[in-house]
Amino acid sequence: MRVEFAEEAERSLEQIGDYIAQDSPARAESFTRELIDAALALGNAPRAYPFVPRFERLGVRRRVHGNYVILYRVEADRVFVLLIVHGARDYGRFLLSED
């Protein structure tokens, strides 16, 4: 199944990379690549990861990669990556705005 990224997910990847680059530009590049690869791998088994509690009705699932969470929805013909965020952040407001 193909994987597509929402604009917000692309922006969040850039922000993650910028934040990590403050300490290590090389690690910023390699880690954002890891996040992208983890998201793209969702196309192989999109239903393998759990729903986000309280957001099941929206079909939002999550895959954890390190301290980060890839939030996505499985649609008829694609996996749609909604957001990539540090696991300690409150991403509920973003998900509610998708409703």
PDB file of N, CA and C in Angstrom:
ATOM      1  N   MET A   1       0.854  -1.171   0.000  1.00  0.00           N
ATOM      2  CA  MET A   1       0.000   0.000   0.000  1.00  0.00           C
ATOM      3  C   MET A   1       0.902   1.237   0.000  1.00  0.00           C
ATOM      4  N   ARG A   2       0.500   2.239  -0.733  1.00  0.00           N
ATOM      5  CA  ARG A   2       1.341   3.440  -0.797  1.00  0.00           C
ATOM      6  C   ARG A   2       1.194   4.269   0.481  1.00  0.00           C
ATOM      7  N   VAL A   3       2.221   5.030   0.779  1.00  0.00           N
ATOM      8  CA  VAL A   3       2.253   5.873   1.972  1.00  0.00           C
ATOM      9  C   VAL A   3       2.382   7.321   1.519  1.00  0.00           C
ATOM     10  N   GLU A   4       1.522   8.177   2.060  1.00  0.00           N
ATOM     11  CA  GLU A   4       1.567   9.610   1.759  1.00  0.00           C
ATOM     12  C   GLU A   4       1.676  10.380   3.069  1.00  0.00           C
ATOM     13  N   PHE A   5       2.319  11.523   3.008  1.00  0.00           N
ATOM     14  CA  PHE A   5       2.527  12.369   4.168  1.00  0.00           C
ATOM     15  C   PHE A   5       1.676  13.633   4.073  1.00  0.00           C
ATOM     16  N   ALA A   6       0.967  13.950   5.143  1.00  0.00           N
ATOM     17  CA  ALA A   6       0.253  15.221   5.232  1.00  0.00           C
ATOM     18  C   ALA A   6       1.285  16.344   5.316  1.00  0.00           C
ATOM     19  N   GLU A   7       0.889  17.540   4.949  1.00  0.00           N
ATOM     20  CA  GLU A   7       1.786  18.687   5.059  1.00  0.00           C
ATOM     21  C   GLU A   7       2.282  18.847   6.488  1.00  0.00           C
ATOM     22  N   GLU A   8       1.418  18.635   7.445  1.00  0.00           N
ATOM     23  CA  GLU A   8       1.798  18.754   8.853  1.00  0.00           C
ATOM     24  C   GLU A   8       2.864  17.727   9.222  1.00  0.00           C
ATOM     25  N   ALA A   9       2.785  16.534   8.669  1.00  0.00           N
ATOM     26  CA  ALA A   9       3.805  15.511   8.931  1.00  0.00           C
ATOM     27  C   ALA A   9       5.145  15.926   8.330  1.00  0.00           C
ATOM     28  N   GLU A  10       5.111  16.491   7.138  1.00  0.00           N
ATOM     29  CA  GLU A  10       6.344  16.957   6.511  1.00  0.00           C
ATOM     30  C   GLU A  10       6.961  18.099   7.321  1.00  0.00           C
ATOM     31  N   ARG A  11       6.123  19.017   7.789  1.00  0.00           N
ATOM     32  CA  ARG A  11       6.614  20.122   8.631  1.00  0.00           C
ATOM     33  C   ARG A  11       7.208  19.601   9.929  1.00  0.00           C
ATOM     34  N   SER A  12       6.554  18.606  10.518  1.00  0.00           N
ATOM     35  CA  SER A  12       7.058  18.078  11.786  1.00  0.00           C
ATOM     36  C   SER A  12       8.408  17.398  11.586  1.00  0.00           C
ATOM     37  N   LEU A  13       8.616  16.720  10.459  1.00  0.00           N
ATOM     38  CA  LEU A  13       9.925  16.124  10.160  1.00  0.00           C
ATOM     39  C   LEU A  13      11.009  17.199  10.060  1.00  0.00           C
ATOM     40  N   GLU A  14      10.685  18.300   9.400  1.00  0.00           N
ATOM     41  CA  GLU A  14      11.640  19.400   9.292  1.00  0.00           C
ATOM     42  C   GLU A  14      11.973  19.972  10.666  1.00  0.00           C
ATOM     43  N   GLN A  15      10.956  20.141  11.502  1.00  0.00           N
ATOM     44  CA  GLN A  15      11.180  20.692  12.841  1.00  0.00           C
ATOM     45  C   GLN A  15      12.016  19.751  13.700  1.00  0.00           C
ATOM     46  N   ILE A  16      11.755  18.470  13.594  1.00  0.00           N
ATOM     47  CA  ILE A  16      12.548  17.475  14.336  1.00  0.00           C
ATOM     48  C   ILE A  16      14.002  17.547  13.880  1.00  0.00           C
ATOM     49  N   GLY A  17      14.205  17.576  12.581  1.00  0.00           N
ATOM     50  CA  GLY A  17      15.557  17.664  12.038  1.00  0.00           C
ATOM     51  C   GLY A  17      16.266  18.936  12.482  1.00  0.00           C
ATOM     52  N   ASP A  18      15.560  20.060  12.445  1.00  0.00           N
ATOM     53  CA  ASP A  18      16.161  21.333  12.869  1.00  0.00           C
ATOM     54  C   ASP A  18      16.552  21.293  14.340  1.00  0.00           C
ATOM     55  N   TYR A  19      15.700  20.702  15.160  1.00  0.00           N
ATOM     56  CA  TYR A  19      15.979  20.629  16.591  1.00  0.00           C
ATOM     57  C   TYR A  19      17.219  19.763  16.864  1.00  0.00           C
ATOM     58  N   ILE A  20      17.278  18.601  16.259  1.00  0.00           N
ATOM     59  CA  ILE A  20      18.414  17.702  16.473  1.00  0.00           C
ATOM     60  C   ILE A  20      19.692  18.304  15.897  1.00  0.00           C
ATOM     61  N   ALA A  21      19.575  19.035  14.793  1.00  0.00           N
ATOM     62  CA  ALA A  21      20.746  19.624  14.134  1.00  0.00           C
ATOM     63  C   ALA A  21      21.444  20.662  14.998  1.00  0.00           C
ATOM     64  N   GLN A  22      20.741  21.199  15.981  1.00  0.00           N
ATOM     65  CA  GLN A  22      21.388  22.157  16.886  1.00  0.00           C
ATOM     66  C   GLN A  22      22.577  21.520  17.597  1.00  0.00           C
ATOM     67  N   ASP A  23      22.467  20.221  17.875  1.00  0.00           N
ATOM     68  CA  ASP A  23      23.545  19.496  18.544  1.00  0.00           C
ATOM     69  C   ASP A  23      24.363  18.639  17.588  1.00  0.00           C
ATOM     70  N   SER A  24      23.699  18.083  16.574  1.00  0.00           N
ATOM     71  CA  SER A  24      24.404  17.162  15.684  1.00  0.00           C
ATOM     72  C   SER A  24      23.749  17.132  14.301  1.00  0.00           C
ATOM     73  N   PRO A  25      24.257  17.924  13.368  1.00  0.00           N
ATOM     74  CA  PRO A  25      23.673  17.934  12.023  1.00  0.00           C
ATOM     75  C   PRO A  25      23.662  16.549  11.355  1.00  0.00           C
ATOM     76  N   ALA A  26      24.708  15.779  11.565  1.00  0.00           N
ATOM     77  CA  ALA A  26      24.762  14.446  10.944  1.00  0.00           C
ATOM     78  C   ALA A  26      23.675  13.544  11.515  1.00  0.00           C
ATOM     79  N   ARG A  27      23.502  13.589  12.821  1.00  0.00           N
ATOM     80  CA  ARG A  27      22.470  12.744  13.443  1.00  0.00           C
ATOM     81  C   ARG A  27      21.080  13.219  13.031  1.00  0.00           C
ATOM     82  N   ALA A  28      20.908  14.516  12.860  1.00  0.00           N
ATOM     83  CA  ALA A  28      19.605  15.037  12.424  1.00  0.00           C
ATOM     84  C   ALA A  28      19.211  14.418  11.092  1.00  0.00           C
ATOM     85  N   GLU A  29      20.160  14.374  10.186  1.00  0.00           N
ATOM     86  CA  GLU A  29      19.882  13.802   8.868  1.00  0.00           C
ATOM     87  C   GLU A  29      19.583  12.310   8.953  1.00  0.00           C
ATOM     88  N   SER A  30      20.403  11.582   9.712  1.00  0.00           N
ATOM     89  CA  SER A  30      20.190  10.129   9.782  1.00  0.00           C
ATOM     90  C   SER A  30      18.909   9.789  10.537  1.00  0.00           C
ATOM     91  N   PHE A  31      18.585  10.550  11.580  1.00  0.00           N
ATOM     92  CA  PHE A  31      17.378  10.228  12.344  1.00  0.00           C
ATOM     93  C   PHE A  31      16.107  10.563  11.573  1.00  0.00           C
ATOM     94  N   THR A  32      16.092  11.696  10.882  1.00  0.00           N
ATOM     95  CA  THR A  32      14.900  11.985  10.076  1.00  0.00           C
ATOM     96  C   THR A  32      14.730  10.935   8.981  1.00  0.00           C
ATOM     97  N   ARG A  33      15.829  10.419   8.449  1.00  0.00           N
ATOM     98  CA  ARG A  33      15.747   9.338   7.464  1.00  0.00           C
ATOM     99  C   ARG A  33      15.140   8.089   8.104  1.00  0.00           C
ATOM    100  N   GLU A  34      15.544   7.790   9.335  1.00  0.00           N
ATOM    101  CA  GLU A  34      14.966   6.646  10.058  1.00  0.00           C
ATOM    102  C   GLU A  34      13.459   6.826  10.224  1.00  0.00           C
ATOM    103  N   LEU A  35      13.030   8.029  10.588  1.00  0.00           N
ATOM    104  CA  LEU A  35      11.595   8.286  10.758  1.00  0.00           C
ATOM    105  C   LEU A  35      10.844   8.106   9.440  1.00  0.00           C
ATOM    106  N   ILE A  36      11.418   8.619   8.370  1.00  0.00           N
ATOM    107  CA  ILE A  36      10.782   8.468   7.053  1.00  0.00           C
ATOM    108  C   ILE A  36      10.705   6.994   6.674  1.00  0.00           C
ATOM    109  N   ASP A  37      11.781   6.255   6.876  1.00  0.00           N
ATOM    110  CA  ASP A  37      11.786   4.822   6.550  1.00  0.00           C
ATOM    111  C   ASP A  37      10.761   4.055   7.381  1.00  0.00           C
ATOM    112  N   ALA A  38      10.653   4.404   8.675  1.00  0.00           N
ATOM    113  CA  ALA A  38       9.660   3.744   9.538  1.00  0.00           C
ATOM    114  C   ALA A  38       8.253   4.036   9.042  1.00  0.00           C
ATOM    115  N   ALA A  39       8.018   5.274   8.613  1.00  0.00           N
ATOM    116  CA  ALA A  39       6.692   5.632   8.090  1.00  0.00           C
ATOM    117  C   ALA A  39       6.411   4.900   6.777  1.00  0.00           C
ATOM    118  N   LEU A  40       7.390   4.858   5.891  1.00  0.00           N
ATOM    119  CA  LEU A  40       7.190   4.166   4.611  1.00  0.00           C
ATOM    120  C   LEU A  40       6.953   2.671   4.801  1.00  0.00           C
ATOM    121  N   ALA A  41       7.567   2.092   5.822  1.00  0.00           N
ATOM    122  CA  ALA A  41       7.373   0.667   6.097  1.00  0.00           C
ATOM    123  C   ALA A  41       5.942   0.347   6.520  1.00  0.00           C
ATOM    124  N   LEU A  42       5.192   1.350   6.935  1.00  0.00           N
ATOM    125  CA  LEU A  42       3.790   1.122   7.299  1.00  0.00           C
ATOM    126  C   LEU A  42       2.982   0.575   6.131  1.00  0.00           C
ATOM    127  N   GLY A  43       3.418   0.868   4.927  1.00  0.00           N
ATOM    128  CA  GLY A  43       2.725   0.359   3.748  1.00  0.00           C
ATOM    129  C   GLY A  43       2.730  -1.155   3.652  1.00  0.00           C
ATOM    130  N   ASN A  44       3.691  -1.800   4.306  1.00  0.00           N
ATOM    131  CA  ASN A  44       3.791  -3.267   4.278  1.00  0.00           C
ATOM    132  C   ASN A  44       2.838  -3.942   5.253  1.00  0.00           C
ATOM    133  N   ALA A  45       2.544  -3.293   6.362  1.00  0.00           N
ATOM    134  CA  ALA A  45       1.654  -3.879   7.385  1.00  0.00           C
ATOM    135  C   ALA A  45       0.961  -2.748   8.139  1.00  0.00           C
ATOM    136  N   PRO A  46       0.084  -2.027   7.477  1.00  0.00           N
ATOM    137  CA  PRO A  46      -0.497  -0.830   8.081  1.00  0.00           C
ATOM    138  C   PRO A  46      -1.366  -1.071   9.314  1.00  0.00           C
ATOM    139  N   ARG A  47      -1.924  -2.251   9.435  1.00  0.00           N
ATOM    140  CA  ARG A  47      -2.804  -2.525  10.579  1.00  0.00           C
ATOM    141  C   ARG A  47      -2.072  -3.221  11.730  1.00  0.00           C
ATOM    142  N   ALA A  48      -0.757  -3.278  11.641  1.00  0.00           N
ATOM    143  CA  ALA A  48       0.041  -3.966  12.659  1.00  0.00           C
ATOM    144  C   ALA A  48       0.201  -3.144  13.935  1.00  0.00           C
ATOM    145  N   TYR A  49      -0.113  -1.884  13.886  1.00  0.00           N
ATOM    146  CA  TYR A  49       0.099  -1.002  15.031  1.00  0.00           C
ATOM    147  C   TYR A  49      -1.236  -0.586  15.629  1.00  0.00           C
ATOM    148  N   PRO A  50      -1.231  -0.254  16.925  1.00  0.00           N
ATOM    149  CA  PRO A  50      -2.500  -0.010  17.627  1.00  0.00           C
ATOM    150  C   PRO A  50      -3.120   1.349  17.312  1.00  0.00           C
ATOM    151  N   PHE A  51      -4.413   1.404  17.584  1.00  0.00           N
ATOM    152  CA  PHE A  51      -5.117   2.679  17.527  1.00  0.00           C
ATOM    153  C   PHE A  51      -4.653   3.555  18.680  1.00  0.00           C
ATOM    154  N   VAL A  52      -4.750   4.859  18.481  1.00  0.00           N
ATOM    155  CA  VAL A  52      -4.442   5.812  19.550  1.00  0.00           C
ATOM    156  C   VAL A  52      -5.658   5.867  20.459  1.00  0.00           C
ATOM    157  N   PRO A  53      -5.487   5.611  21.762  1.00  0.00           N
ATOM    158  CA  PRO A  53      -6.621   5.680  22.675  1.00  0.00           C
ATOM    159  C   PRO A  53      -7.327   7.034  22.567  1.00  0.00           C
ATOM    160  N   ARG A  54      -8.620   7.009  22.606  1.00  0.00           N
ATOM    161  CA  ARG A  54      -9.509   8.166  22.473  1.00  0.00           C
ATOM    162  C   ARG A  54      -9.685   8.622  21.027  1.00  0.00           C
ATOM    163  N   PHE A  55      -8.913   8.075  20.087  1.00  0.00           N
ATOM    164  CA  PHE A  55      -9.020   8.490  18.696  1.00  0.00           C
ATOM    165  C   PHE A  55      -9.313   7.320  17.765  1.00  0.00           C
ATOM    166  N   GLU A  56      -9.808   6.241  18.348  1.00  0.00           N
ATOM    167  CA  GLU A  56     -10.145   5.060  17.547  1.00  0.00           C
ATOM    168  C   GLU A  56     -11.192   5.391  16.501  1.00  0.00           C
ATOM    169  N   ARG A  57     -12.166   6.203  16.866  1.00  0.00           N
ATOM    170  CA  ARG A  57     -13.264   6.521  15.935  1.00  0.00           C
ATOM    171  C   ARG A  57     -12.773   7.276  14.704  1.00  0.00           C
ATOM    172  N   LEU A  58     -11.617   7.932  14.835  1.00  0.00           N
ATOM    173  CA  LEU A  58     -11.020   8.630  13.703  1.00  0.00           C
ATOM    174  C   LEU A  58     -10.093   7.713  12.898  1.00  0.00           C
ATOM    175  N   GLY A  59      -9.878   6.497  13.400  1.00  0.00           N
ATOM    176  CA  GLY A  59      -9.023   5.542  12.720  1.00  0.00           C
ATOM    177  C   GLY A  59      -7.540   5.854  12.836  1.00  0.00           C
ATOM    178  N   VAL A  60      -7.164   6.625  13.846  1.00  0.00           N
ATOM    179  CA  VAL A  60      -5.764   7.032  13.990  1.00  0.00           C
ATOM    180  C   VAL A  60      -4.979   5.953  14.724  1.00  0.00           C
ATOM    181  N   ARG A  61      -3.893   5.540  14.109  1.00  0.00           N
ATOM    182  CA  ARG A  61      -2.986   4.546  14.676  1.00  0.00           C
ATOM    183  C   ARG A  61      -1.647   5.196  14.965  1.00  0.00           C
ATOM    184  N   ARG A  62      -0.797   4.472  15.713  1.00  0.00           N
ATOM    185  CA  ARG A  62       0.523   5.015  16.022  1.00  0.00           C
ATOM    186  C   ARG A  62       1.593   3.945  15.935  1.00  0.00           C
ATOM    187  N   ARG A  63       2.712   4.396  15.434  1.00  0.00           N
ATOM    188  CA  ARG A  63       3.911   3.563  15.438  1.00  0.00           C
ATOM    189  C   ARG A  63       4.984   4.358  16.177  1.00  0.00           C
ATOM    190  N   VAL A  64       5.606   3.723  17.151  1.00  0.00           N
ATOM    191  CA  VAL A  64       6.646   4.373  17.930  1.00  0.00           C
ATOM    192  C   VAL A  64       7.996   4.080  17.290  1.00  0.00           C
ATOM    193  N   HIS A  65       8.804   5.128  17.201  1.00  0.00           N
ATOM    194  CA  HIS A  65      10.190   4.982  16.739  1.00  0.00           C
ATOM    195  C   HIS A  65      11.061   5.807  17.684  1.00  0.00           C
ATOM    196  N   GLY A  66      11.789   5.134  18.538  1.00  0.00           N
ATOM    197  CA  GLY A  66      12.566   5.846  19.559  1.00  0.00           C
ATOM    198  C   GLY A  66      11.620   6.600  20.477  1.00  0.00           C
ATOM    199  N   ASN A  67      11.869   7.876  20.653  1.00  0.00           N
ATOM    200  CA  ASN A  67      11.005   8.713  21.483  1.00  0.00           C
ATOM    201  C   ASN A  67       9.907   9.390  20.679  1.00  0.00           C
ATOM    202  N   TYR A  68       9.784   9.049  19.421  1.00  0.00           N
ATOM    203  CA  TYR A  68       8.834   9.717  18.538  1.00  0.00           C
ATOM    204  C   TYR A  68       7.678   8.790  18.168  1.00  0.00           C
ATOM    205  N   VAL A  69       6.562   9.418  17.824  1.00  0.00           N
ATOM    206  CA  VAL A  69       5.348   8.691  17.466  1.00  0.00           C
ATOM    207  C   VAL A  69       4.935   9.121  16.067  1.00  0.00           C
ATOM    208  N   ILE A  70       4.716   8.144  15.219  1.00  0.00           N
ATOM    209  CA  ILE A  70       4.199   8.380  13.876  1.00  0.00           C
ATOM    210  C   ILE A  70       2.701   8.119  13.936  1.00  0.00           C
ATOM    211  N   LEU A  71       1.920   9.143  13.718  1.00  0.00           N
ATOM    212  CA  LEU A  71       0.454   9.039  13.758  1.00  0.00           C
ATOM    213  C   LEU A  71      -0.063   8.947  12.328  1.00  0.00           C
ATOM    214  N   TYR A  72      -0.913   7.963  12.081  1.00  0.00           N
ATOM    215  CA  TYR A  72      -1.358   7.735  10.709  1.00  0.00           C
ATOM    216  C   TYR A  72      -2.750   7.118  10.687  1.00  0.00           C
ATOM    217  N   ARG A  73      -3.320   7.124   9.496  1.00  0.00           N
ATOM    218  CA  ARG A  73      -4.638   6.536   9.272  1.00  0.00           C
ATOM    219  C   ARG A  73      -4.551   5.630   8.051  1.00  0.00           C
ATOM    220  N   VAL A  74      -5.170   4.459   8.132  1.00  0.00           N
ATOM    221  CA  VAL A  74      -5.240   3.540   6.995  1.00  0.00           C
ATOM    222  C   VAL A  74      -6.510   3.872   6.226  1.00  0.00           C
ATOM    223  N   GLU A  75      -6.334   4.201   4.960  1.00  0.00           N
ATOM    224  CA  GLU A  75      -7.475   4.516   4.101  1.00  0.00           C
ATOM    225  C   GLU A  75      -7.611   3.415   3.048  1.00  0.00           C
ATOM    226  N   ALA A  76      -8.570   3.533   2.176  1.00  0.00           N
ATOM    227  CA  ALA A  76      -8.855   2.469   1.209  1.00  0.00           C
ATOM    228  C   ALA A  76      -7.647   2.102   0.359  1.00  0.00           C
ATOM    229  N   ASP A  77      -6.913   3.106  -0.107  1.00  0.00           N
ATOM    230  CA  ASP A  77      -5.821   2.827  -1.031  1.00  0.00           C
ATOM    231  C   ASP A  77      -4.478   3.403  -0.600  1.00  0.00           C
ATOM    232  N   ARG A  78      -4.394   3.866   0.650  1.00  0.00           N
ATOM    233  CA  ARG A  78      -3.135   4.446   1.100  1.00  0.00           C
ATOM    234  C   ARG A  78      -3.039   4.469   2.621  1.00  0.00           C
ATOM    235  N   VAL A  79      -1.823   4.641   3.084  1.00  0.00           N
ATOM    236  CA  VAL A  79      -1.551   4.953   4.480  1.00  0.00           C
ATOM    237  C   VAL A  79      -1.254   6.443   4.486  1.00  0.00           C
ATOM    238  N   PHE A  80      -1.963   7.189   5.308  1.00  0.00           N
ATOM    239  CA  PHE A  80      -1.821   8.639   5.345  1.00  0.00           C
ATOM    240  C   PHE A  80      -1.185   9.039   6.668  1.00  0.00           C
ATOM    241  N   VAL A  81       0.072   9.482   6.611  1.00  0.00           N
ATOM    242  CA  VAL A  81       0.798   9.892   7.809  1.00  0.00           C
ATOM    243  C   VAL A  81       0.341  11.305   8.173  1.00  0.00           C
ATOM    244  N   LEU A  82      -0.243  11.422   9.356  1.00  0.00           N
ATOM    245  CA  LEU A  82      -0.811  12.684   9.804  1.00  0.00           C
ATOM    246  C   LEU A  82       0.212  13.594  10.473  1.00  0.00           C
ATOM    247  N   LEU A  83       1.049  12.988  11.318  1.00  0.00           N
ATOM    248  CA  LEU A  83       1.943  13.783  12.153  1.00  0.00           C
ATOM    249  C   LEU A  83       3.035  12.889  12.710  1.00  0.00           C
ATOM    250  N   ILE A  84       4.200  13.459  12.906  1.00  0.00           N
ATOM    251  CA  ILE A  84       5.290  12.776  13.598  1.00  0.00           C
ATOM    252  C   ILE A  84       5.703  13.701  14.727  1.00  0.00           C
ATOM    253  N   VAL A  85       5.663  13.194  15.947  1.00  0.00           N
ATOM    254  CA  VAL A  85       5.849  14.066  17.109  1.00  0.00           C
ATOM    255  C   VAL A  85       6.563  13.320  18.227  1.00  0.00           C
ATOM    256  N   HIS A  86       7.258  14.087  19.068  1.00  0.00           N
ATOM    257  CA  HIS A  86       7.889  13.491  20.246  1.00  0.00           C
ATOM    258  C   HIS A  86       6.783  12.912  21.125  1.00  0.00           C
ATOM    259  N   GLY A  87       7.020  11.743  21.667  1.00  0.00           N
ATOM    260  CA  GLY A  87       6.005  11.053  22.452  1.00  0.00           C
ATOM    261  C   GLY A  87       5.553  11.792  23.701  1.00  0.00           C
ATOM    262  N   ALA A  88       6.357  12.725  24.193  1.00  0.00           N
ATOM    263  CA  ALA A  88       5.988  13.479  25.389  1.00  0.00           C
ATOM    264  C   ALA A  88       5.055  14.645  25.078  1.00  0.00           C
ATOM    265  N   ARG A  89       4.906  14.981  23.825  1.00  0.00           N
ATOM    266  CA  ARG A  89       4.049  16.121  23.453  1.00  0.00           C
ATOM    267  C   ARG A  89       2.583  15.717  23.425  1.00  0.00           C
ATOM    268  N   ASP A  90       1.732  16.698  23.638  1.00  0.00           N
ATOM    269  CA  ASP A  90       0.293  16.483  23.569  1.00  0.00           C
ATOM    270  C   ASP A  90      -0.149  16.691  22.120  1.00  0.00           C
ATOM    271  N   TYR A  91      -0.459  15.601  21.440  1.00  0.00           N
ATOM    272  CA  TYR A  91      -0.866  15.708  20.041  1.00  0.00           C
ATOM    273  C   TYR A  91      -2.383  15.627  19.886  1.00  0.00           C
ATOM    274  N   GLY A  92      -3.103  15.592  20.999  1.00  0.00           N
ATOM    275  CA  GLY A  92      -4.561  15.490  20.944  1.00  0.00           C
ATOM    276  C   GLY A  92      -5.236  16.632  20.237  1.00  0.00           C
ATOM    277  N   ARG A  93      -4.753  17.851  20.423  1.00  0.00           N
ATOM    278  CA  ARG A  93      -5.390  18.993  19.770  1.00  0.00           C
ATOM    279  C   ARG A  93      -5.316  18.888  18.259  1.00  0.00           C
ATOM    280  N   PHE A  94      -4.171  18.446  17.747  1.00  0.00           N
ATOM    281  CA  PHE A  94      -4.044  18.270  16.309  1.00  0.00           C
ATOM    282  C   PHE A  94      -5.032  17.219  15.805  1.00  0.00           C
ATOM    283  N   LEU A  95      -5.105  16.107  16.500  1.00  0.00           N
ATOM    284  CA  LEU A  95      -5.994  15.034  16.069  1.00  0.00           C
ATOM    285  C   LEU A  95      -7.447  15.467  16.137  1.00  0.00           C
ATOM    286  N   LEU A  96      -7.808  16.228  17.127  1.00  0.00           N
ATOM    287  CA  LEU A  96      -9.185  16.706  17.233  1.00  0.00           C
ATOM    288  C   LEU A  96      -9.526  17.676  16.120  1.00  0.00           C
ATOM    289  N   SER A  97      -8.546  18.434  15.660  1.00  0.00           N
ATOM    290  CA  SER A  97      -8.808  19.368  14.574  1.00  0.00           C
ATOM    291  C   SER A  97      -9.054  18.646  13.256  1.00  0.00           C
ATOM    292  N   GLU A  98      -8.655  17.361  13.176  1.00  0.00           N
ATOM    293  CA  GLU A  98      -8.881  16.553  11.976  1.00  0.00           C
ATOM    294  C   GLU A  98     -10.323  16.068  11.898  1.00  0.00           C
ATOM    295  N   ASP A  99     -11.044  16.129  12.987  1.00  0.00           N
ATOM    296  CA  ASP A  99     -12.406  15.606  13.055  1.00  0.00           C
ATOM    297  C   ASP A  99     -13.380  16.420  12.231  1.00  0.00           C
TER     298      ASP A  99
END
